[in-house]
């Protein structure tokens, strides 16, 4: 499963990746706007941490996934607990159960 995280804290990028790997997910993380988000692709899950990202970056990410079967989740908090809850909910929806 692939996950794209837009926003969040730059100092937590490694921790986000480690948590995603615990759930057997490949993660791409964009904590800040660097150019454009053209290489998002078609992930299974798009996580938008809305408190730490600009409106322009959110619009750009949503435009990149428009028309693709991508589940989008918005979270105001960019904590590890918030990401863990999002991943657990997504795994339950897919019927895969929790890995941790």
Protein backbone atom coordinates (compact mmCIF):
# COMPACT_ATOMS: atom_id res chain seq x y z
CA UNK A 1 0.00 0.00 0.00
CA UNK A 2 1.27 3.49 -0.74
CA UNK A 3 0.72 6.58 1.36
CA UNK A 4 1.43 10.22 0.54
CA UNK A 5 1.64 12.65 3.43
CA UNK A 6 1.37 16.36 2.68
CA UNK A 7 2.30 18.70 5.50
CA UNK A 8 3.48 17.74 8.93
CA UNK A 9 6.65 18.65 10.74
CA UNK A 10 9.95 18.46 8.90
CA UNK A 11 11.72 17.07 11.95
CA UNK A 12 9.27 14.13 12.06
CA UNK A 13 9.67 12.92 8.47
CA UNK A 14 11.79 9.92 9.52
CA UNK A 15 9.27 9.00 12.24
CA UNK A 16 6.37 9.23 9.78
CA UNK A 17 8.23 6.86 7.41
CA UNK A 18 9.01 4.42 10.20
CA UNK A 19 5.39 4.34 11.33
CA UNK A 20 4.19 3.75 7.78
CA UNK A 21 6.68 0.92 7.33
CA UNK A 22 5.29 -0.72 10.51
CA UNK A 23 1.96 -0.86 8.67
CA UNK A 24 3.71 -2.23 5.55
CA UNK A 25 3.15 1.01 3.64
CA UNK A 26 5.47 2.85 1.31
CA UNK A 27 5.41 6.54 2.16
CA UNK A 28 6.19 9.73 0.29
CA UNK A 29 6.26 12.75 2.56
CA UNK A 30 6.08 16.39 1.50
CA UNK A 31 6.40 18.54 4.64
CA UNK A 32 6.78 21.79 2.69
CA UNK A 33 6.27 23.17 -0.79
CA UNK A 34 9.30 22.48 -2.95
CA UNK A 35 8.38 23.23 -6.52
CA UNK A 36 5.23 21.29 -7.25
CA UNK A 37 3.88 17.93 -6.21
CA UNK A 38 3.94 16.41 -9.68
CA UNK A 39 5.32 13.03 -8.61
CA UNK A 40 2.55 12.08 -6.19
CA UNK A 41 1.25 9.41 -8.54
CA UNK A 42 -1.80 7.41 -7.49
CA UNK A 43 -1.40 6.45 -3.83
CA UNK A 44 -3.89 4.35 -1.91
CA UNK A 45 -4.10 7.01 0.80
CA UNK A 46 -3.47 10.77 0.75
CA UNK A 47 -3.02 12.31 4.22
CA UNK A 48 -3.28 16.10 4.47
CA UNK A 49 -2.05 17.63 7.72
CA UNK A 50 -3.98 20.87 7.34
CA UNK A 51 -2.51 22.82 10.24
CA UNK A 52 1.04 22.77 8.87
CA UNK A 53 0.46 23.24 5.16
CA UNK A 54 -0.66 26.09 2.91
CA UNK A 55 -3.94 26.16 1.00
CA UNK A 56 -1.97 26.25 -2.24
CA UNK A 57 -0.17 23.03 -1.39
CA UNK A 58 -3.44 21.30 -0.46
CA UNK A 59 -5.04 22.38 -3.74
CA UNK A 60 -1.98 21.19 -5.66
CA UNK A 61 -2.07 17.76 -3.98
CA UNK A 62 -5.81 17.40 -4.57
CA UNK A 63 -5.42 18.41 -8.23
CA UNK A 64 -2.73 15.74 -8.71
CA UNK A 65 -5.04 13.00 -7.44
CA UNK A 66 -8.23 14.24 -9.11
CA UNK A 67 -10.04 11.49 -10.99
CA UNK A 68 -7.95 8.73 -9.38
CA UNK A 69 -9.23 6.23 -6.81
CA UNK A 70 -7.42 7.83 -3.87
CA UNK A 71 -8.81 8.01 -0.36
CA UNK A 72 -8.09 11.44 1.09
CA UNK A 73 -7.96 12.10 4.83
CA UNK A 74 -7.57 15.55 6.37
CA UNK A 75 -6.22 15.92 9.87
CA UNK A 76 -5.73 19.14 11.77
CA UNK A 77 -3.05 17.58 13.96
CA UNK A 78 0.21 16.28 12.54
CA UNK A 79 1.11 14.08 15.50
CA UNK A 80 2.23 10.48 15.41
CA UNK A 81 -0.98 9.45 17.18
CA UNK A 82 -3.08 11.12 14.50
CA UNK A 83 -1.17 9.34 11.72
CA UNK A 84 -1.39 6.03 13.57
CA UNK A 85 -5.18 6.39 13.92
CA UNK A 86 -5.50 7.24 10.22
CA UNK A 87 -3.44 4.21 9.19
CA UNK A 88 -5.39 1.89 11.51
CA UNK A 89 -8.73 3.14 10.13
CA UNK A 90 -7.51 2.67 6.57
CA UNK A 91 -6.28 -0.87 7.28
CA UNK A 92 -9.62 -1.78 8.86
CA UNK A 93 -11.49 -0.46 5.81
CA UNK A 94 -9.31 -2.57 3.55
CA UNK A 95 -9.90 -5.58 5.78
CA UNK A 96 -6.22 -6.10 6.51
CA UNK A 97 -6.32 -5.50 10.26
CA UNK A 98 -3.62 -3.80 12.28
CA UNK A 99 0.00 -4.83 11.88
CA UNK A 100 1.42 -3.26 15.00
